[in-house]
Protein backbone atom coordinates (compact mmCIF):
# COMPACT_ATOMS: atom_id res chain seq x y z
CA MET A 1 -2.47 -6.88 2.64
CA LYS A 2 -0.47 -3.58 3.87
CA MET A 3 -0.43 -2.83 7.48
CA LEU A 4 0.21 0.64 7.90
CA ASP A 5 1.46 1.72 11.93
CA LYS A 6 -0.95 4.72 13.34
CA ASP A 7 1.50 5.85 15.59
CA LYS A 8 4.43 6.09 12.74
CA ILE A 9 2.29 7.97 9.95
CA ALA A 10 1.57 9.99 13.12
CA LYS A 11 5.15 10.32 14.37
CA GLU A 12 6.27 11.00 10.30
CA ASN A 13 3.30 13.32 9.51
CA LEU A 14 2.14 10.96 6.64
CA GLU A 15 -1.23 11.21 7.05
CA ASP A 16 -2.05 12.97 4.48
CA ASP A 17 -0.04 10.71 2.49
CA VAL A 18 -1.95 7.60 2.89
CA LEU A 19 -5.36 9.18 2.58
CA SER A 20 -4.10 9.83 -0.88
CA GLU A 21 -2.94 6.26 -1.32
CA VAL A 22 -5.91 5.08 -0.46
CA ARG A 23 -7.83 7.38 -2.43
CA SER A 24 -6.01 6.48 -5.58
CA MET A 25 -5.93 2.92 -4.62
CA LYS A 26 -10.02 3.21 -4.49
CA LEU A 27 -10.60 4.87 -8.15
CA VAL A 28 -8.06 3.08 -10.37
CA HIS A 29 -8.89 0.06 -12.07
CA HIS A 30 -5.91 -0.99 -14.18
CA PRO A 31 -5.00 -4.55 -15.33
CA TYR A 32 -1.11 -3.98 -14.65
CA ILE A 33 -2.01 -2.19 -10.70
CA VAL A 34 -2.92 -4.05 -8.05
CA ARG A 35 -6.30 -3.27 -6.30
CA LEU A 36 -7.69 -2.50 -3.08
CA PHE A 37 -10.58 -4.05 -2.07
CA GLU A 38 -11.20 -2.87 1.57
CA VAL A 39 -9.70 -0.35 4.49
CA LEU A 40 -9.76 -1.98 7.85
CA LYS A 41 -9.02 0.18 11.12
CA THR A 42 -7.79 -1.11 14.33
CA ASN A 43 -6.49 0.46 17.48
CA LYS A 44 -2.97 0.06 16.57
CA LYS A 45 -2.95 -0.29 12.48
CA ILE A 46 -4.71 0.59 9.31
CA LEU A 47 -4.53 -2.63 7.04
CA LEU A 48 -5.21 -2.05 3.23
CA LEU A 49 -7.03 -4.94 1.91
CA MET A 50 -5.54 -5.57 -1.56
CA GLU A 51 -5.52 -7.76 -4.50
CA TYR A 52 -3.03 -10.86 -4.28
CA MET A 53 -0.25 -10.76 -7.03
CA ASP A 54 2.04 -13.58 -6.99
CA GLY A 55 5.95 -13.58 -8.03
CA GLY A 56 6.98 -11.70 -5.32
CA ASP A 57 7.71 -8.51 -4.04
CA LEU A 58 8.00 -4.99 -6.78
CA PHE A 59 10.83 -3.85 -5.35
CA ASP A 60 12.76 -7.28 -5.82
CA ALA A 61 12.15 -7.35 -9.27
CA ILE A 62 12.89 -4.14 -10.31
CA SER A 63 16.52 -4.64 -7.89
CA ASN A 64 17.04 -7.16 -10.57
CA PHE A 65 16.89 -4.79 -13.61
CA ILE A 66 18.56 -1.85 -11.91
CA ILE A 67 22.44 -1.82 -10.37
CA PHE A 68 23.36 0.54 -7.86
């Protein structure tokens, strides 16, 4: 699950970016891309319910291969 803070999205003017991400994820069905199943909204959050992938965080996996 990915939780997005509505206030932060509005403050940083990211509404179009979030909408684009959701639209793209709904269209893509590929074995190496996490699927988006549902989008839920509360008063303060947007919740993206996605396919579970084990193995840790993608950033950590990429960081192991890149020397900063």
